Amino acid sequence: MQTILAAKIETIKAEIAAQLGYDAKTLPVHIDDKQAAEVLGAKASTLAVWRSTGRYNLPFLKVGRLVRYRVSDLAEFLARRTGRHTGEAI
């Protein structure tokens, strides 16, 4: 199961790279909240609400006012939330 999840994460990382206009080999380790929102199909303000309320377990880095997300954390978040039908537990 762990290797399947790892393979999903790598596939999603490649999709993130393509979506943001990076080559998979030159994808940065961290992206800003606007890029993370684009990846997730949400608004940056929605991510701000998630951070402040703890609604989702989506790790982020904060240095001063700067907010960054690890691409690997976003890929894992998406891989763990991938389902096949609405009745499936996520």
PDB file of N, CA and C in Angstrom:
ATOM      1  N   MET A   1       0.818  -1.195   0.000  1.00  0.00           N
ATOM      2  CA  MET A   1       0.000   0.000   0.000  1.00  0.00           C
ATOM      3  C   MET A   1       0.866   1.264   0.000  1.00  0.00           C
ATOM      4  N   GLN A   2       1.950   1.233   0.773  1.00  0.00           N
ATOM      5  CA  GLN A   2       2.829   2.396   0.867  1.00  0.00           C
ATOM      6  C   GLN A   2       3.477   2.714  -0.480  1.00  0.00           C
ATOM      7  N   THR A   3       3.868   1.679  -1.228  1.00  0.00           N
ATOM      8  CA  THR A   3       4.489   1.927  -2.531  1.00  0.00           C
ATOM      9  C   THR A   3       3.475   2.477  -3.534  1.00  0.00           C
ATOM     10  N   ILE A   4       2.220   2.065  -3.402  1.00  0.00           N
ATOM     11  CA  ILE A   4       1.177   2.596  -4.276  1.00  0.00           C
ATOM     12  C   ILE A   4       0.983   4.078  -3.991  1.00  0.00           C
ATOM     13  N   LEU A   5       0.950   4.439  -2.700  1.00  0.00           N
ATOM     14  CA  LEU A   5       0.805   5.846  -2.318  1.00  0.00           C
ATOM     15  C   LEU A   5       2.005   6.652  -2.807  1.00  0.00           C
ATOM     16  N   ALA A   6       3.204   6.119  -2.656  1.00  0.00           N
ATOM     17  CA  ALA A   6       4.410   6.812  -3.107  1.00  0.00           C
ATOM     18  C   ALA A   6       4.367   7.040  -4.623  1.00  0.00           C
ATOM     19  N   ALA A   7       3.898   6.055  -5.369  1.00  0.00           N
ATOM     20  CA  ALA A   7       3.787   6.195  -6.819  1.00  0.00           C
ATOM     21  C   ALA A   7       2.748   7.263  -7.178  1.00  0.00           C
ATOM     22  N   LYS A   8       1.620   7.284  -6.445  1.00  0.00           N
ATOM     23  CA  LYS A   8       0.601   8.306  -6.678  1.00  0.00           C
ATOM     24  C   LYS A   8       1.162   9.697  -6.422  1.00  0.00           C
ATOM     25  N   ILE A   9       1.923   9.825  -5.342  1.00  0.00           N
ATOM     26  CA  ILE A   9       2.498  11.119  -4.978  1.00  0.00           C
ATOM     27  C   ILE A   9       3.438  11.612  -6.072  1.00  0.00           C
ATOM     28  N   GLU A  10       4.274  10.734  -6.590  1.00  0.00           N
ATOM     29  CA  GLU A  10       5.201  11.129  -7.661  1.00  0.00           C
ATOM     30  C   GLU A  10       4.448  11.538  -8.919  1.00  0.00           C
ATOM     31  N   THR A  11       3.377  10.833  -9.238  1.00  0.00           N
ATOM     32  CA  THR A  11       2.558  11.189 -10.396  1.00  0.00           C
ATOM     33  C   THR A  11       1.927  12.558 -10.203  1.00  0.00           C
ATOM     34  N   ILE A  12       1.406  12.789  -9.015  1.00  0.00           N
ATOM     35  CA  ILE A  12       0.766  14.077  -8.723  1.00  0.00           C
ATOM     36  C   ILE A  12       1.797  15.196  -8.745  1.00  0.00           C
ATOM     37  N   LYS A  13       3.014  14.958  -8.241  1.00  0.00           N
ATOM     38  CA  LYS A  13       4.064  15.975  -8.296  1.00  0.00           C
ATOM     39  C   LYS A  13       4.366  16.362  -9.738  1.00  0.00           C
ATOM     40  N   ALA A  14       4.391  15.385 -10.630  1.00  0.00           N
ATOM     41  CA  ALA A  14       4.625  15.678 -12.049  1.00  0.00           C
ATOM     42  C   ALA A  14       3.466  16.504 -12.620  1.00  0.00           C
ATOM     43  N   GLU A  15       2.232  16.198 -12.203  1.00  0.00           N
ATOM     44  CA  GLU A  15       1.074  16.969 -12.652  1.00  0.00           C
ATOM     45  C   GLU A  15       1.139  18.405 -12.131  1.00  0.00           C
ATOM     46  N   ILE A  16       1.571  18.570 -10.888  1.00  0.00           N
ATOM     47  CA  ILE A  16       1.722  19.900 -10.306  1.00  0.00           C
ATOM     48  C   ILE A  16       2.766  20.698 -11.091  1.00  0.00           C
ATOM     49  N   ALA A  17       3.874  20.059 -11.413  1.00  0.00           N
ATOM     50  CA  ALA A  17       4.928  20.724 -12.182  1.00  0.00           C
ATOM     51  C   ALA A  17       4.379  21.223 -13.508  1.00  0.00           C
ATOM     52  N   ALA A  18       3.651  20.374 -14.208  1.00  0.00           N
ATOM     53  CA  ALA A  18       3.085  20.754 -15.499  1.00  0.00           C
ATOM     54  C   ALA A  18       2.065  21.883 -15.338  1.00  0.00           C
ATOM     55  N   GLN A  19       1.234  21.805 -14.305  1.00  0.00           N
ATOM     56  CA  GLN A  19       0.213  22.820 -14.081  1.00  0.00           C
ATOM     57  C   GLN A  19       0.831  24.189 -13.804  1.00  0.00           C
ATOM     58  N   LEU A  20       1.951  24.204 -13.094  1.00  0.00           N
ATOM     59  CA  LEU A  20       2.595  25.467 -12.744  1.00  0.00           C
ATOM     60  C   LEU A  20       3.626  25.924 -13.777  1.00  0.00           C
ATOM     61  N   GLY A  21       3.823  25.123 -14.824  1.00  0.00           N
ATOM     62  CA  GLY A  21       4.738  25.506 -15.892  1.00  0.00           C
ATOM     63  C   GLY A  21       6.202  25.190 -15.628  1.00  0.00           C
ATOM     64  N   TYR A  22       6.451  24.227 -14.748  1.00  0.00           N
ATOM     65  CA  TYR A  22       7.822  23.799 -14.455  1.00  0.00           C
ATOM     66  C   TYR A  22       8.092  22.452 -15.102  1.00  0.00           C
ATOM     67  N   ASP A  23       9.346  22.194 -15.359  1.00  0.00           N
ATOM     68  CA  ASP A  23       9.770  20.851 -15.717  1.00  0.00           C
ATOM     69  C   ASP A  23       9.777  20.044 -14.424  1.00  0.00           C
ATOM     70  N   ALA A  24       9.423  18.776 -14.483  1.00  0.00           N
ATOM     71  CA  ALA A  24       9.352  17.953 -13.270  1.00  0.00           C
ATOM     72  C   ALA A  24      10.688  17.909 -12.535  1.00  0.00           C
ATOM     73  N   LYS A  25      11.791  18.039 -13.286  1.00  0.00           N
ATOM     74  CA  LYS A  25      13.120  17.986 -12.669  1.00  0.00           C
ATOM     75  C   LYS A  25      13.511  19.307 -12.002  1.00  0.00           C
ATOM     76  N   THR A  26      12.870  20.418 -12.400  1.00  0.00           N
ATOM     77  CA  THR A  26      13.231  21.719 -11.844  1.00  0.00           C
ATOM     78  C   THR A  26      12.123  22.294 -10.960  1.00  0.00           C
ATOM     79  N   LEU A  27      11.195  21.472 -10.560  1.00  0.00           N
ATOM     80  CA  LEU A  27      10.108  21.917  -9.694  1.00  0.00           C
ATOM     81  C   LEU A  27      10.676  22.385  -8.364  1.00  0.00           C
ATOM     82  N   PRO A  28      10.324  23.600  -7.911  1.00  0.00           N
ATOM     83  CA  PRO A  28      10.850  24.068  -6.630  1.00  0.00           C
ATOM     84  C   PRO A  28      10.315  23.222  -5.478  1.00  0.00           C
ATOM     85  N   VAL A  29      11.030  23.227  -4.383  1.00  0.00           N
ATOM     86  CA  VAL A  29      10.618  22.470  -3.205  1.00  0.00           C
ATOM     87  C   VAL A  29       9.411  23.135  -2.552  1.00  0.00           C
ATOM     88  N   HIS A  30       9.421  24.478  -2.519  1.00  0.00           N
ATOM     89  CA  HIS A  30       8.348  25.247  -1.895  1.00  0.00           C
ATOM     90  C   HIS A  30       7.681  26.150  -2.921  1.00  0.00           C
ATOM     91  N   ILE A  31       6.359  26.339  -2.751  1.00  0.00           N
ATOM     92  CA  ILE A  31       5.638  27.288  -3.594  1.00  0.00           C
ATOM     93  C   ILE A  31       4.814  28.194  -2.678  1.00  0.00           C
ATOM     94  N   ASP A  32       4.429  29.354  -3.199  1.00  0.00           N
ATOM     95  CA  ASP A  32       3.671  30.294  -2.368  1.00  0.00           C
ATOM     96  C   ASP A  32       2.198  29.899  -2.301  1.00  0.00           C
ATOM     97  N   ASP A  33       1.444  30.641  -1.503  1.00  0.00           N
ATOM     98  CA  ASP A  33       0.046  30.289  -1.285  1.00  0.00           C
ATOM     99  C   ASP A  33      -0.804  30.461  -2.545  1.00  0.00           C
ATOM    100  N   LYS A  34      -0.440  31.398  -3.397  1.00  0.00           N
ATOM    101  CA  LYS A  34      -1.205  31.581  -4.641  1.00  0.00           C
ATOM    102  C   LYS A  34      -1.016  30.385  -5.575  1.00  0.00           C
ATOM    103  N   GLN A  35       0.219  29.903  -5.683  1.00  0.00           N
ATOM    104  CA  GLN A  35       0.478  28.729  -6.516  1.00  0.00           C
ATOM    105  C   GLN A  35      -0.181  27.483  -5.906  1.00  0.00           C
ATOM    106  N   ALA A  36      -0.127  27.360  -4.590  1.00  0.00           N
ATOM    107  CA  ALA A  36      -0.764  26.218  -3.923  1.00  0.00           C
ATOM    108  C   ALA A  36      -2.270  26.240  -4.160  1.00  0.00           C
ATOM    109  N   ALA A  37      -2.857  27.432  -4.091  1.00  0.00           N
ATOM    110  CA  ALA A  37      -4.291  27.552  -4.351  1.00  0.00           C
ATOM    111  C   ALA A  37      -4.617  27.130  -5.780  1.00  0.00           C
ATOM    112  N   GLU A  38      -3.768  27.514  -6.718  1.00  0.00           N
ATOM    113  CA  GLU A  38      -3.970  27.117  -8.114  1.00  0.00           C
ATOM    114  C   GLU A  38      -3.934  25.603  -8.253  1.00  0.00           C
ATOM    115  N   VAL A  39      -2.975  24.976  -7.589  1.00  0.00           N
ATOM    116  CA  VAL A  39      -2.843  23.517  -7.641  1.00  0.00           C
ATOM    117  C   VAL A  39      -4.096  22.840  -7.092  1.00  0.00           C
ATOM    118  N   LEU A  40      -4.631  23.394  -6.011  1.00  0.00           N
ATOM    119  CA  LEU A  40      -5.784  22.783  -5.352  1.00  0.00           C
ATOM    120  C   LEU A  40      -7.115  23.223  -5.950  1.00  0.00           C
ATOM    121  N   GLY A  41      -7.086  24.188  -6.847  1.00  0.00           N
ATOM    122  CA  GLY A  41      -8.332  24.679  -7.434  1.00  0.00           C
ATOM    123  C   GLY A  41      -9.148  25.483  -6.438  1.00  0.00           C
ATOM    124  N   ALA A  42      -8.462  26.193  -5.549  1.00  0.00           N
ATOM    125  CA  ALA A  42      -9.113  27.009  -4.530  1.00  0.00           C
ATOM    126  C   ALA A  42      -8.560  28.423  -4.616  1.00  0.00           C
ATOM    127  N   LYS A  43      -9.052  29.279  -3.750  1.00  0.00           N
ATOM    128  CA  LYS A  43      -8.527  30.645  -3.664  1.00  0.00           C
ATOM    129  C   LYS A  43      -7.492  30.702  -2.555  1.00  0.00           C
ATOM    130  N   ALA A  44      -6.562  31.640  -2.672  1.00  0.00           N
ATOM    131  CA  ALA A  44      -5.561  31.826  -1.620  1.00  0.00           C
ATOM    132  C   ALA A  44      -6.235  32.173  -0.296  1.00  0.00           C
ATOM    133  N   SER A  45      -7.342  32.898  -0.359  1.00  0.00           N
ATOM    134  CA  SER A  45      -8.072  33.241   0.868  1.00  0.00           C
ATOM    135  C   SER A  45      -8.668  32.000   1.523  1.00  0.00           C
ATOM    136  N   THR A  46      -9.051  31.023   0.719  1.00  0.00           N
ATOM    137  CA  THR A  46      -9.558  29.762   1.270  1.00  0.00           C
ATOM    138  C   THR A  46      -8.453  29.037   2.026  1.00  0.00           C
ATOM    139  N   LEU A  47      -7.245  29.033   1.459  1.00  0.00           N
ATOM    140  CA  LEU A  47      -6.123  28.407   2.159  1.00  0.00           C
ATOM    141  C   LEU A  47      -5.828  29.130   3.467  1.00  0.00           C
ATOM    142  N   ALA A  48      -5.995  30.450   3.478  1.00  0.00           N
ATOM    143  CA  ALA A  48      -5.782  31.212   4.713  1.00  0.00           C
ATOM    144  C   ALA A  48      -6.785  30.784   5.784  1.00  0.00           C
ATOM    145  N   VAL A  49      -8.025  30.547   5.384  1.00  0.00           N
ATOM    146  CA  VAL A  49      -9.039  30.077   6.332  1.00  0.00           C
ATOM    147  C   VAL A  49      -8.673  28.681   6.828  1.00  0.00           C
ATOM    148  N   TRP A  50      -8.248  27.809   5.931  1.00  0.00           N
ATOM    149  CA  TRP A  50      -7.854  26.455   6.338  1.00  0.00           C
ATOM    150  C   TRP A  50      -6.708  26.505   7.333  1.00  0.00           C
ATOM    151  N   ARG A  51      -5.736  27.412   7.104  1.00  0.00           N
ATOM    152  CA  ARG A  51      -4.605  27.525   8.024  1.00  0.00           C
ATOM    153  C   ARG A  51      -5.055  27.998   9.396  1.00  0.00           C
ATOM    154  N   SER A  52      -5.935  28.976   9.425  1.00  0.00           N
ATOM    155  CA  SER A  52      -6.338  29.558  10.714  1.00  0.00           C
ATOM    156  C   SER A  52      -7.299  28.659  11.487  1.00  0.00           C
ATOM    157  N   THR A  53      -8.111  27.881  10.792  1.00  0.00           N
ATOM    158  CA  THR A  53      -9.085  27.029  11.476  1.00  0.00           C
ATOM    159  C   THR A  53      -8.596  25.604  11.670  1.00  0.00           C
ATOM    160  N   GLY A  54      -7.556  25.221  10.925  1.00  0.00           N
ATOM    161  CA  GLY A  54      -7.082  23.836  10.997  1.00  0.00           C
ATOM    162  C   GLY A  54      -8.047  22.864  10.352  1.00  0.00           C
ATOM    163  N   ARG A  55      -8.836  23.347   9.410  1.00  0.00           N
ATOM    164  CA  ARG A  55      -9.864  22.509   8.786  1.00  0.00           C
ATOM    165  C   ARG A  55      -9.279  21.252   8.137  1.00  0.00           C
ATOM    166  N   TYR A  56      -8.192  21.412   7.420  1.00  0.00           N
ATOM    167  CA  TYR A  56      -7.534  20.273   6.791  1.00  0.00           C
ATOM    168  C   TYR A  56      -6.116  20.170   7.316  1.00  0.00           C
ATOM    169  N   ASN A  57      -5.615  18.964   7.363  1.00  0.00           N
ATOM    170  CA  ASN A  57      -4.246  18.742   7.822  1.00  0.00           C
ATOM    171  C   ASN A  57      -3.294  18.943   6.645  1.00  0.00           C
ATOM    172  N   LEU A  58      -3.135  20.194   6.233  1.00  0.00           N
ATOM    173  CA  LEU A  58      -2.266  20.549   5.119  1.00  0.00           C
ATOM    174  C   LEU A  58      -1.110  21.375   5.671  1.00  0.00           C
ATOM    175  N   PRO A  59       0.066  20.766   5.816  1.00  0.00           N
ATOM    176  CA  PRO A  59       1.202  21.487   6.395  1.00  0.00           C
ATOM    177  C   PRO A  59       1.610  22.696   5.559  1.00  0.00           C
ATOM    178  N   PHE A  60       2.077  23.725   6.238  1.00  0.00           N
ATOM    179  CA  PHE A  60       2.586  24.923   5.570  1.00  0.00           C
ATOM    180  C   PHE A  60       3.751  25.469   6.377  1.00  0.00           C
ATOM    181  N   LEU A  61       4.530  26.309   5.727  1.00  0.00           N
ATOM    182  CA  LEU A  61       5.661  26.971   6.375  1.00  0.00           C
ATOM    183  C   LEU A  61       5.350  28.450   6.449  1.00  0.00           C
ATOM    184  N   LYS A  62       5.687  29.059   7.561  1.00  0.00           N
ATOM    185  CA  LYS A  62       5.442  30.489   7.693  1.00  0.00           C
ATOM    186  C   LYS A  62       6.672  31.151   8.280  1.00  0.00           C
ATOM    187  N   VAL A  63       7.180  32.136   7.558  1.00  0.00           N
ATOM    188  CA  VAL A  63       8.317  32.932   8.010  1.00  0.00           C
ATOM    189  C   VAL A  63       7.885  34.387   7.887  1.00  0.00           C
ATOM    190  N   GLY A  64       7.653  35.017   9.001  1.00  0.00           N
ATOM    191  CA  GLY A  64       7.111  36.372   8.958  1.00  0.00           C
ATOM    192  C   GLY A  64       5.735  36.336   8.323  1.00  0.00           C
ATOM    193  N   ARG A  65       5.567  37.122   7.281  1.00  0.00           N
ATOM    194  CA  ARG A  65       4.291  37.124   6.557  1.00  0.00           C
ATOM    195  C   ARG A  65       4.254  36.103   5.422  1.00  0.00           C
ATOM    196  N   LEU A  66       5.405  35.570   5.070  1.00  0.00           N
ATOM    197  CA  LEU A  66       5.476  34.649   3.937  1.00  0.00           C
ATOM    198  C   LEU A  66       4.910  33.280   4.304  1.00  0.00           C
ATOM    199  N   VAL A  67       4.073  32.765   3.443  1.00  0.00           N
ATOM    200  CA  VAL A  67       3.513  31.423   3.614  1.00  0.00           C
ATOM    201  C   VAL A  67       3.970  30.591   2.427  1.00  0.00           C
ATOM    202  N   ARG A  68       4.500  29.424   2.705  1.00  0.00           N
ATOM    203  CA  ARG A  68       4.964  28.512   1.655  1.00  0.00           C
ATOM    204  C   ARG A  68       4.417  27.120   1.924  1.00  0.00           C
ATOM    205  N   TYR A  69       4.230  26.385   0.841  1.00  0.00           N
ATOM    206  CA  TYR A  69       3.793  24.991   0.917  1.00  0.00           C
ATOM    207  C   TYR A  69       4.831  24.132   0.226  1.00  0.00           C
ATOM    208  N   ARG A  70       5.138  22.990   0.815  1.00  0.00           N
ATOM    209  CA  ARG A  70       6.016  22.022   0.145  1.00  0.00           C
ATOM    210  C   ARG A  70       5.191  21.325  -0.929  1.00  0.00           C
ATOM    211  N   VAL A  71       5.766  21.208  -2.103  1.00  0.00           N
ATOM    212  CA  VAL A  71       5.089  20.517  -3.203  1.00  0.00           C
ATOM    213  C   VAL A  71       4.799  19.075  -2.798  1.00  0.00           C
ATOM    214  N   SER A  72       5.731  18.455  -2.084  1.00  0.00           N
ATOM    215  CA  SER A  72       5.525  17.063  -1.657  1.00  0.00           C
ATOM    216  C   SER A  72       4.335  16.949  -0.697  1.00  0.00           C
ATOM    217  N   ASP A  73       4.123  17.954   0.169  1.00  0.00           N
ATOM    218  CA  ASP A  73       2.971  17.940   1.075  1.00  0.00           C
ATOM    219  C   ASP A  73       1.667  18.097   0.304  1.00  0.00           C
ATOM    220  N   LEU A  74       1.667  18.972  -0.704  1.00  0.00           N
ATOM    221  CA  LEU A  74       0.468  19.138  -1.531  1.00  0.00           C
ATOM    222  C   LEU A  74       0.148  17.850  -2.287  1.00  0.00           C
ATOM    223  N   ALA A  75       1.185  17.220  -2.840  1.00  0.00           N
ATOM    224  CA  ALA A  75       0.980  15.976  -3.584  1.00  0.00           C
ATOM    225  C   ALA A  75       0.444  14.882  -2.665  1.00  0.00           C
ATOM    226  N   GLU A  76       0.986  14.783  -1.459  1.00  0.00           N
ATOM    227  CA  GLU A  76       0.501  13.776  -0.516  1.00  0.00           C
ATOM    228  C   GLU A  76      -0.940  14.073  -0.097  1.00  0.00           C
ATOM    229  N   PHE A  77      -1.250  15.339   0.144  1.00  0.00           N
ATOM    230  CA  PHE A  77      -2.606  15.757   0.496  1.00  0.00           C
ATOM    231  C   PHE A  77      -3.590  15.321  -0.589  1.00  0.00           C
ATOM    232  N   LEU A  78      -3.245  15.598  -1.843  1.00  0.00           N
ATOM    233  CA  LEU A  78      -4.121  15.217  -2.957  1.00  0.00           C
ATOM    234  C   LEU A  78      -4.208  13.701  -3.120  1.00  0.00           C
ATOM    235  N   ALA A  79      -3.096  13.003  -2.948  1.00  0.00           N
ATOM    236  CA  ALA A  79      -3.101  11.542  -3.093  1.00  0.00           C
ATOM    237  C   ALA A  79      -3.983  10.890  -2.031  1.00  0.00           C
ATOM    238  N   ARG A  80      -3.919  11.385  -0.820  1.00  0.00           N
ATOM    239  CA  ARG A  80      -4.718  10.813   0.268  1.00  0.00           C
ATOM    240  C   ARG A  80      -6.203  11.151   0.138  1.00  0.00           C
ATOM    241  N   ARG A  81      -6.537  12.184  -0.606  1.00  0.00           N
ATOM    242  CA  ARG A  81      -7.925  12.594  -0.750  1.00  0.00           C
ATOM    243  C   ARG A  81      -8.533  12.126  -2.070  1.00  0.00           C
ATOM    244  N   THR A  82      -7.825  11.298  -2.794  1.00  0.00           N
ATOM    245  CA  THR A  82      -8.319  10.791  -4.060  1.00  0.00           C
ATOM    246  C   THR A  82      -9.246   9.609  -3.809  1.00  0.00           C
ATOM    247  N   GLY A  83     -10.452   9.691  -4.346  1.00  0.00           N
ATOM    248  CA  GLY A  83     -11.427   8.614  -4.189  1.00  0.00           C
ATOM    249  C   GLY A  83     -11.969   8.184  -5.535  1.00  0.00           C
ATOM    250  N   ARG A  84     -12.687   7.077  -5.531  1.00  0.00           N
ATOM    251  CA  ARG A  84     -13.272   6.555  -6.770  1.00  0.00           C
ATOM    252  C   ARG A  84     -14.772   6.813  -6.864  1.00  0.00           C
ATOM    253  N   HIS A  85     -15.428   6.973  -5.704  1.00  0.00           N
ATOM    254  CA  HIS A  85     -16.854   7.282  -5.691  1.00  0.00           C
ATOM    255  C   HIS A  85     -17.188   8.003  -4.383  1.00  0.00           C
ATOM    256  N   THR A  86     -18.344   8.622  -4.333  1.00  0.00           N
ATOM    257  CA  THR A  86     -18.685   9.473  -3.198  1.00  0.00           C
ATOM    258  C   THR A  86     -18.900   8.691  -1.896  1.00  0.00           C
ATOM    259  N   GLY A  87     -19.179   7.409  -1.971  1.00  0.00           N
ATOM    260  CA  GLY A  87     -19.386   6.627  -0.773  1.00  0.00           C
ATOM    261  C   GLY A  87     -18.110   6.112  -0.155  1.00  0.00           C
ATOM    262  N   GLU A  88     -16.988   6.330  -0.826  1.00  0.00           N
ATOM    263  CA  GLU A  88     -15.712   5.809  -0.337  1.00  0.00           C
ATOM    264  C   GLU A  88     -15.156   6.721   0.754  1.00  0.00           C
ATOM    265  N   ALA A  89     -14.703   6.130   1.837  1.00  0.00           N
ATOM    266  CA  ALA A  89     -14.108   6.902   2.916  1.00  0.00           C
ATOM    267  C   ALA A  89     -12.754   7.439   2.481  1.00  0.00           C
ATOM    268  N   ILE A  90     -12.519   8.700   2.793  1.00  0.00           N
ATOM    269  CA  ILE A  90     -11.239   9.325   2.445  1.00  0.00           C
ATOM    270  C   ILE A  90     -10.458   9.561   3.708  1.00  0.00           C
TER     271      ILE A  90
END
